[in-house]
Amino acid sequence: MASGEGKDSLKQSDLEFRSGILRGAGSQDGDAG
């Protein structure tokens, strides 16, 4: 149970982290590019 929940949270965090990069860094890259 704990392991499964941990994996799920990691997946969610990863998705949110990537989304943040795409939104934040993506905007910066677009302006710089």
PDB file of N, CA and C in Angstrom:
ATOM      1  N   MET A   1       0.853  -1.203   0.000  1.00  0.00           N
ATOM      2  CA  MET A   1       0.000   0.000   0.000  1.00  0.00           C
ATOM      3  C   MET A   1       0.884   1.247   0.000  1.00  0.00           C
ATOM      4  N   ALA A   2       1.752   1.336   0.979  1.00  0.00           N
ATOM      5  CA  ALA A   2       2.606   2.519   1.100  1.00  0.00           C
ATOM      6  C   ALA A   2       3.454   2.695  -0.165  1.00  0.00           C
ATOM      7  N   SER A   3       4.003   1.579  -0.658  1.00  0.00           N
ATOM      8  CA  SER A   3       4.840   1.644  -1.855  1.00  0.00           C
ATOM      9  C   SER A   3       4.027   2.158  -3.034  1.00  0.00           C
ATOM     10  N   GLY A   4       2.830   1.587  -3.214  1.00  0.00           N
ATOM     11  CA  GLY A   4       1.972   2.002  -4.325  1.00  0.00           C
ATOM     12  C   GLY A   4       1.658   3.486  -4.236  1.00  0.00           C
ATOM     13  N   GLU A   5       1.290   3.930  -3.046  1.00  0.00           N
ATOM     14  CA  GLU A   5       0.949   5.350  -2.881  1.00  0.00           C
ATOM     15  C   GLU A   5       2.171   6.208  -3.178  1.00  0.00           C
ATOM     16  N   GLY A   6       3.327   5.761  -2.730  1.00  0.00           N
ATOM     17  CA  GLY A   6       4.561   6.509  -2.965  1.00  0.00           C
ATOM     18  C   GLY A   6       4.824   6.644  -4.455  1.00  0.00           C
ATOM     19  N   LYS A   7       4.657   5.534  -5.181  1.00  0.00           N
ATOM     20  CA  LYS A   7       4.881   5.563  -6.633  1.00  0.00           C
ATOM     21  C   LYS A   7       3.901   6.519  -7.300  1.00  0.00           C
ATOM     22  N   ASP A   8       2.633   6.450  -6.880  1.00  0.00           N
ATOM     23  CA  ASP A   8       1.609   7.331  -7.463  1.00  0.00           C
ATOM     24  C   ASP A   8       1.979   8.788  -7.228  1.00  0.00           C
ATOM     25  N   SER A   9       2.393   9.099  -6.007  1.00  0.00           N
ATOM     26  CA  SER A   9       2.725  10.489  -5.685  1.00  0.00           C
ATOM     27  C   SER A   9       3.926  10.933  -6.516  1.00  0.00           C
ATOM     28  N   LEU A  10       4.870  10.028  -6.704  1.00  0.00           N
ATOM     29  CA  LEU A  10       6.044  10.370  -7.502  1.00  0.00           C
ATOM     30  C   LEU A  10       5.626  10.663  -8.937  1.00  0.00           C
ATOM     31  N   LYS A  11       4.720   9.842  -9.475  1.00  0.00           N
ATOM     32  CA  LYS A  11       4.246  10.051 -10.845  1.00  0.00           C
ATOM     33  C   LYS A  11       3.560  11.400 -10.955  1.00  0.00           C
ATOM     34  N   GLN A  12       2.693  11.700 -10.002  1.00  0.00           N
ATOM     35  CA  GLN A  12       1.960  12.967 -10.019  1.00  0.00           C
ATOM     36  C   GLN A  12       2.948  14.132  -9.919  1.00  0.00           C
ATOM     37  N   SER A  13       3.906  14.005  -9.008  1.00  0.00           N
ATOM     38  CA  SER A  13       4.888  15.072  -8.827  1.00  0.00           C
ATOM     39  C   SER A  13       5.686  15.258 -10.109  1.00  0.00           C
ATOM     40  N   ASP A  14       6.063  14.142 -10.739  1.00  0.00           N
ATOM     41  CA  ASP A  14       6.837  14.215 -11.977  1.00  0.00           C
ATOM     42  C   ASP A  14       6.044  14.941 -13.053  1.00  0.00           C
ATOM     43  N   LEU A  15       4.770  14.569 -13.186  1.00  0.00           N
ATOM     44  CA  LEU A  15       3.919  15.201 -14.201  1.00  0.00           C
ATOM     45  C   LEU A  15       3.805  16.693 -13.917  1.00  0.00           C
ATOM     46  N   GLU A  16       3.555  17.036 -12.652  1.00  0.00           N
ATOM     47  CA  GLU A  16       3.408  18.454 -12.295  1.00  0.00           C
ATOM     48  C   GLU A  16       4.720  19.183 -12.507  1.00  0.00           C
ATOM     49  N   PHE A  17       5.842  18.505 -12.168  1.00  0.00           N
ATOM     50  CA  PHE A  17       7.159  19.118 -12.327  1.00  0.00           C
ATOM     51  C   PHE A  17       7.422  19.409 -13.802  1.00  0.00           C
ATOM     52  N   ARG A  18       7.137  18.405 -14.654  1.00  0.00           N
ATOM     53  CA  ARG A  18       7.350  18.588 -16.095  1.00  0.00           C
ATOM     54  C   ARG A  18       6.445  19.697 -16.624  1.00  0.00           C
ATOM     55  N   SER A  19       5.206  19.692 -16.156  1.00  0.00           N
ATOM     56  CA  SER A  19       4.246  20.711 -16.607  1.00  0.00           C
ATOM     57  C   SER A  19       4.781  22.092 -16.236  1.00  0.00           C
ATOM     58  N   GLY A  20       5.330  22.216 -15.030  1.00  0.00           N
ATOM     59  CA  GLY A  20       5.877  23.493 -14.567  1.00  0.00           C
ATOM     60  C   GLY A  20       7.026  23.929 -15.464  1.00  0.00           C
ATOM     61  N   ILE A  21       7.881  22.977 -15.829  1.00  0.00           N
ATOM     62  CA  ILE A  21       9.023  23.300 -16.690  1.00  0.00           C
ATOM     63  C   ILE A  21       8.518  23.762 -18.049  1.00  0.00           C
ATOM     64  N   LEU A  22       7.562  23.013 -18.605  1.00  0.00           N
ATOM     65  CA  LEU A  22       7.029  23.349 -19.927  1.00  0.00           C
ATOM     66  C   LEU A  22       6.415  24.747 -19.905  1.00  0.00           C
ATOM     67  N   ARG A  23       5.730  25.062 -18.810  1.00  0.00           N
ATOM     68  CA  ARG A  23       5.060  26.374 -18.721  1.00  0.00           C
ATOM     69  C   ARG A  23       6.073  27.481 -18.433  1.00  0.00           C
ATOM     70  N   GLY A  24       6.897  27.292 -17.410  1.00  0.00           N
ATOM     71  CA  GLY A  24       7.861  28.323 -17.014  1.00  0.00           C
ATOM     72  C   GLY A  24       9.014  28.420 -18.000  1.00  0.00           C
ATOM     73  N   ALA A  25       9.796  27.350 -18.087  1.00  0.00           N
ATOM     74  CA  ALA A  25      10.962  27.355 -18.966  1.00  0.00           C
ATOM     75  C   ALA A  25      10.524  27.522 -20.411  1.00  0.00           C
ATOM     76  N   GLY A  26       9.401  26.920 -20.771  1.00  0.00           N
ATOM     77  CA  GLY A  26       8.894  27.006 -22.140  1.00  0.00           C
ATOM     78  C   GLY A  26       8.710  28.462 -22.539  1.00  0.00           C
ATOM     79  N   SER A  27       8.137  29.256 -21.656  1.00  0.00           N
ATOM     80  CA  SER A  27       7.895  30.667 -21.960  1.00  0.00           C
ATOM     81  C   SER A  27       9.233  31.390 -22.128  1.00  0.00           C
ATOM     82  N   GLN A  28      10.175  31.111 -21.228  1.00  0.00           N
ATOM     83  CA  GLN A  28      11.480  31.761 -21.294  1.00  0.00           C
ATOM     84  C   GLN A  28      12.191  31.374 -22.585  1.00  0.00           C
ATOM     85  N   ASP A  29      12.164  30.069 -22.901  1.00  0.00           N
ATOM     86  CA  ASP A  29      12.820  29.599 -24.119  1.00  0.00           C
ATOM     87  C   ASP A  29      12.195  30.271 -25.343  1.00  0.00           C
ATOM     88  N   GLY A  30      10.869  30.392 -25.327  1.00  0.00           N
ATOM     89  CA  GLY A  30      10.172  31.000 -26.456  1.00  0.00           C
ATOM     90  C   GLY A  30      10.635  32.441 -26.642  1.00  0.00           C
ATOM     91  N   ASP A  31      10.733  33.177 -25.523  1.00  0.00           N
ATOM     92  CA  ASP A  31      11.148  34.581 -25.617  1.00  0.00           C
ATOM     93  C   ASP A  31      12.604  34.660 -26.081  1.00  0.00           C
ATOM     94  N   ALA A  32      13.450  33.799 -25.501  1.00  0.00           N
ATOM     95  CA  ALA A  32      14.865  33.819 -25.853  1.00  0.00           C
ATOM     96  C   ALA A  32      15.043  33.363 -27.299  1.00  0.00           C
ATOM     97  N   GLY A  33      14.283  32.312 -27.670  1.00  0.00           N
ATOM     98  CA  GLY A  33      14.431  31.755 -29.025  1.00  0.00           C
ATOM     99  C   GLY A  33      13.882  32.731 -30.040  1.00  0.00           C
TER     100      GLY A  33
END
